[in-house]
Amino acid sequence: MRDFKLSLFSVLVFTSLAYGQHTEEAGTTEKTAQRKDVTSSVMIRLIDPLDEPEFYCLDVPGYGPGVQLDNPLTAHTLKAFGSADEMWVLNYPAAGQIYVPAFKRCIEAEHAKSGASLYLKEPGDSLLQRFTMTEKGTIVLAEHTDLGFAVAPGNGEQAGGPSHLFRKMGLANLAETPEKLTTWKLVKDADRWPE
């Protein structure tokens, strides 16, 4: 009986230690993923400033407690590098996805047609969440490379903040849309901001 209790005690201790180690490893993996989000975040800036000398950047509408996660994405005056609603991680959590760490969502096109809005959705398997950035600087739907991110023509509209402007944006047929509305670059760190 004593040997049985000793064996049972040994199994419990081993299981407890193994579980504790597994939990610690899982926590480390999660922290590593969170660090990856922060360190690999970029701003997605329109190359042509158009009517905004401070440039336009892909943006989640609203600000702080007024952020509008369920509204279509916009192009907004470039904010300071690191602004949570303008920071994106490409190819995360899966290849082709564009993820916003602050809100743990990915960009998803409304549908695969010109004029479709871009929304933030939970990361998933939808092909409407898979994008590619081309060598020309266009960001296209991976399965429909004729459709890319584009800002609306005309002039920007007044937004909150000093001298801030915004434009509607979505998918457009690249062959029918001026390049100045569809060509983007990645701003990778504060030293290169806004260039």
Protein backbone atom coordinates (compact mmCIF):
# COMPACT_ATOMS: atom_id res chain seq x y z
CA MET A 1 0.00 0.00 0.00
CA ARG A 2 2.85 2.33 0.88
CA ASP A 3 4.45 1.68 -2.56
CA PHE A 4 1.14 2.44 -4.27
CA LYS A 5 0.83 5.81 -2.43
CA LEU A 6 4.42 6.67 -3.28
CA SER A 7 3.82 5.84 -6.96
CA LEU A 8 0.62 7.87 -7.01
CA PHE A 9 2.40 10.81 -5.35
CA SER A 10 5.22 10.60 -7.95
CA VAL A 11 2.72 10.64 -10.83
CA LEU A 12 0.91 13.65 -9.38
CA VAL A 13 4.13 15.59 -8.86
CA PHE A 14 5.38 14.76 -12.37
CA THR A 15 2.01 15.74 -13.93
CA SER A 16 1.95 18.97 -11.99
CA LEU A 17 5.47 19.89 -13.04
CA ALA A 18 4.82 18.96 -16.68
CA TYR A 19 1.59 20.98 -16.75
CA GLY A 20 3.29 23.98 -15.16
CA GLN A 21 6.09 23.86 -17.72
CA HIS A 22 3.58 23.59 -20.59
CA THR A 23 1.62 26.59 -19.27
CA GLU A 24 4.80 28.61 -18.94
CA GLU A 25 5.85 27.71 -22.51
CA ALA A 26 2.41 28.64 -23.84
CA GLY A 27 2.63 32.00 -22.04
CA THR A 28 6.06 32.61 -23.55
CA THR A 29 4.76 31.84 -27.05
CA GLU A 30 1.88 34.26 -26.57
CA LYS A 31 4.23 37.00 -25.33
CA THR A 32 6.54 36.38 -28.29
CA ALA A 33 3.59 36.74 -30.68
CA GLN A 34 2.56 39.99 -29.00
CA ARG A 35 6.13 41.31 -29.29
CA LYS A 36 6.13 40.33 -32.98
CA ASP A 37 2.96 42.38 -33.47
CA VAL A 38 4.60 45.46 -32.04
CA THR A 39 8.05 45.14 -33.59
CA SER A 40 6.87 44.29 -37.10
CA SER A 41 4.08 46.88 -37.31
CA VAL A 42 4.18 49.33 -40.20
CA MET A 43 2.15 52.28 -41.42
CA ILE A 44 0.66 51.89 -44.91
CA ARG A 45 1.05 55.30 -46.57
CA LEU A 46 -0.16 56.52 -49.94
CA ILE A 47 2.92 57.56 -51.97
CA ASP A 48 1.32 60.61 -53.57
CA PRO A 49 0.35 63.26 -50.97
CA LEU A 50 -2.54 64.44 -53.19
CA ASP A 51 -4.10 67.40 -51.33
CA GLU A 52 -2.56 66.49 -47.95
CA PRO A 53 1.09 67.57 -47.55
CA GLU A 54 1.27 65.36 -44.43
CA PHE A 55 0.25 62.33 -46.57
CA TYR A 56 -2.62 59.84 -46.27
CA CYS A 57 -2.36 56.57 -44.41
CA LEU A 58 -4.60 53.50 -44.06
CA ASP A 59 -6.64 54.20 -40.92
CA VAL A 60 -9.27 52.75 -38.60
CA PRO A 61 -11.98 55.45 -38.34
CA GLY A 62 -12.53 57.22 -35.03
CA TYR A 63 -10.08 57.70 -32.20
CA GLY A 64 -9.57 56.32 -28.69
CA PRO A 65 -12.92 55.42 -27.09
CA GLY A 66 -14.66 56.70 -30.24
CA VAL A 67 -12.96 54.18 -32.55
CA GLN A 68 -15.44 52.73 -35.08
CA LEU A 69 -14.31 49.14 -35.59
CA ASP A 70 -17.35 48.14 -37.63
CA ASN A 71 -17.15 51.04 -40.11
CA PRO A 72 -15.22 50.87 -43.39
CA LEU A 73 -11.53 51.73 -43.25
CA THR A 74 -10.46 55.14 -44.50
CA ALA A 75 -7.35 56.97 -45.61
CA HIS A 76 -6.51 59.63 -43.01
CA THR A 77 -3.78 62.18 -42.46
CA LEU A 78 -0.66 60.36 -41.34
CA LYS A 79 -0.37 60.48 -37.55
CA ALA A 80 2.74 60.05 -35.40
CA PHE A 81 4.53 56.75 -35.96
CA GLY A 82 3.11 54.16 -33.57
CA SER A 83 -0.48 55.49 -33.54
CA ALA A 84 -2.45 52.32 -32.76
CA ASP A 85 -5.17 52.90 -35.37
CA GLU A 86 -2.64 53.24 -38.20
CA MET A 87 -0.25 50.37 -37.38
CA TRP A 88 -0.49 47.12 -39.35
CA VAL A 89 1.28 43.76 -39.53
CA LEU A 90 1.48 42.14 -42.96
CA ASN A 91 1.17 38.37 -43.40
CA TYR A 92 -0.08 37.84 -39.84
CA PRO A 93 -1.52 35.70 -38.35
CA ALA A 94 -1.46 33.89 -41.74
CA ALA A 95 0.09 34.63 -45.12
CA GLY A 96 -1.74 37.41 -46.94
CA GLN A 97 -3.56 38.80 -43.91
CA ILE A 98 -3.16 42.42 -42.80
CA TYR A 99 -3.60 42.59 -39.03
CA VAL A 100 -4.09 45.53 -36.68
CA PRO A 101 -2.54 44.55 -33.32
CA ALA A 102 -4.42 47.18 -31.30
CA PHE A 103 -7.78 45.62 -32.18
CA LYS A 104 -6.75 42.03 -33.04
CA ARG A 105 -8.58 42.07 -36.37
CA CYS A 106 -7.68 41.66 -40.03
CA ILE A 107 -8.68 43.63 -43.10
CA GLU A 108 -11.43 41.95 -45.11
CA ALA A 109 -12.93 43.16 -48.38
CA GLU A 110 -16.72 43.45 -48.48
CA HIS A 111 -16.69 41.42 -51.72
CA ALA A 112 -14.38 40.85 -54.70
CA LYS A 113 -15.68 43.70 -56.85
CA SER A 114 -14.59 47.23 -57.62
CA GLY A 115 -16.16 49.62 -55.11
CA ALA A 116 -16.04 47.13 -52.22
CA SER A 117 -15.34 48.65 -48.82
CA LEU A 118 -12.63 47.33 -46.51
CA TYR A 119 -13.57 46.28 -42.98
CA LEU A 120 -11.90 44.86 -39.88
CA LYS A 121 -12.96 41.31 -39.07
CA GLU A 122 -11.82 38.48 -36.80
CA PRO A 123 -8.92 36.62 -38.45
CA GLY A 124 -10.32 33.77 -40.56
CA ASP A 125 -9.95 31.63 -43.66
CA SER A 126 -11.83 33.92 -46.05
CA LEU A 127 -10.06 34.66 -49.34
CA LEU A 128 -11.36 38.23 -48.87
CA GLN A 129 -8.72 38.54 -46.10
CA ARG A 130 -5.81 37.57 -48.37
CA PHE A 131 -3.82 40.40 -49.95
CA THR A 132 -0.51 40.83 -51.73
CA MET A 133 1.66 43.93 -51.99
CA THR A 134 3.12 44.11 -55.49
CA GLU A 135 6.51 45.47 -56.54
CA LYS A 136 4.66 48.51 -57.95
CA GLY A 137 3.28 49.27 -54.48
CA THR A 138 -0.31 48.22 -55.06
CA ILE A 139 -2.09 46.11 -52.44
CA VAL A 140 -4.29 43.61 -54.27
CA LEU A 141 -6.67 40.81 -53.40
CA ALA A 142 -4.56 37.67 -53.78
CA GLU A 143 -7.26 35.90 -55.82
CA HIS A 144 -8.23 39.01 -57.84
CA THR A 145 -5.04 40.89 -58.63
CA ASP A 146 -6.91 43.40 -60.79
CA LEU A 147 -8.50 44.79 -57.60
CA GLY A 148 -6.42 46.90 -55.23
CA PHE A 149 -6.63 49.37 -52.33
CA ALA A 150 -7.59 52.81 -53.63
CA VAL A 151 -8.51 56.14 -52.08
CA ALA A 152 -11.44 58.14 -53.43
CA PRO A 153 -10.73 60.81 -56.06
CA GLY A 154 -11.41 64.50 -55.43
CA ASN A 155 -10.47 66.34 -52.26
CA GLY A 156 -10.14 65.02 -48.73
CA GLU A 157 -12.83 65.82 -46.18
CA GLN A 158 -12.22 67.52 -42.83
CA ALA A 159 -11.57 65.11 -39.97
CA GLY A 160 -11.04 65.63 -36.25
CA GLY A 161 -7.69 67.06 -35.22
CA PRO A 162 -5.70 70.03 -36.47
CA SER A 163 -5.60 70.11 -40.28
CA HIS A 164 -6.54 66.42 -40.53
CA LEU A 165 -8.25 65.12 -43.67
CA PHE A 166 -9.74 61.78 -44.61
CA ARG A 167 -10.88 60.05 -47.78
CA LYS A 168 -13.12 57.08 -48.33
CA MET A 169 -11.31 54.08 -49.69
CA GLY A 170 -11.89 50.52 -50.82
CA LEU A 171 -11.10 48.21 -53.72
CA ALA A 172 -10.85 49.60 -57.24
CA ASN A 173 -10.07 48.17 -60.64
CA LEU A 174 -6.39 49.10 -61.00
CA ALA A 175 -6.55 49.37 -64.80
CA GLU A 176 -9.26 52.04 -64.51
CA THR A 177 -7.89 54.00 -61.51
CA PRO A 178 -5.04 56.56 -61.52
CA GLU A 179 -1.85 55.19 -59.92
CA LYS A 180 -1.67 58.17 -57.57
CA LEU A 181 -4.78 56.77 -55.82
CA THR A 182 -3.55 53.17 -55.64
CA THR A 183 0.18 53.17 -54.90
CA TRP A 184 1.33 52.60 -51.31
CA LYS A 185 4.51 52.27 -49.32
CA LEU A 186 5.34 50.84 -45.91
CA VAL A 187 6.69 53.17 -43.23
CA LYS A 188 8.70 50.80 -41.05
CA ASP A 189 10.05 52.98 -38.26
CA ALA A 190 9.92 56.43 -36.73
CA ASP A 191 13.23 57.41 -38.37
CA ARG A 192 11.62 57.01 -41.79
CA TRP A 193 8.37 58.75 -40.84
CA PRO A 194 6.72 60.18 -42.87
CA GLU A 195 9.01 59.22 -45.77
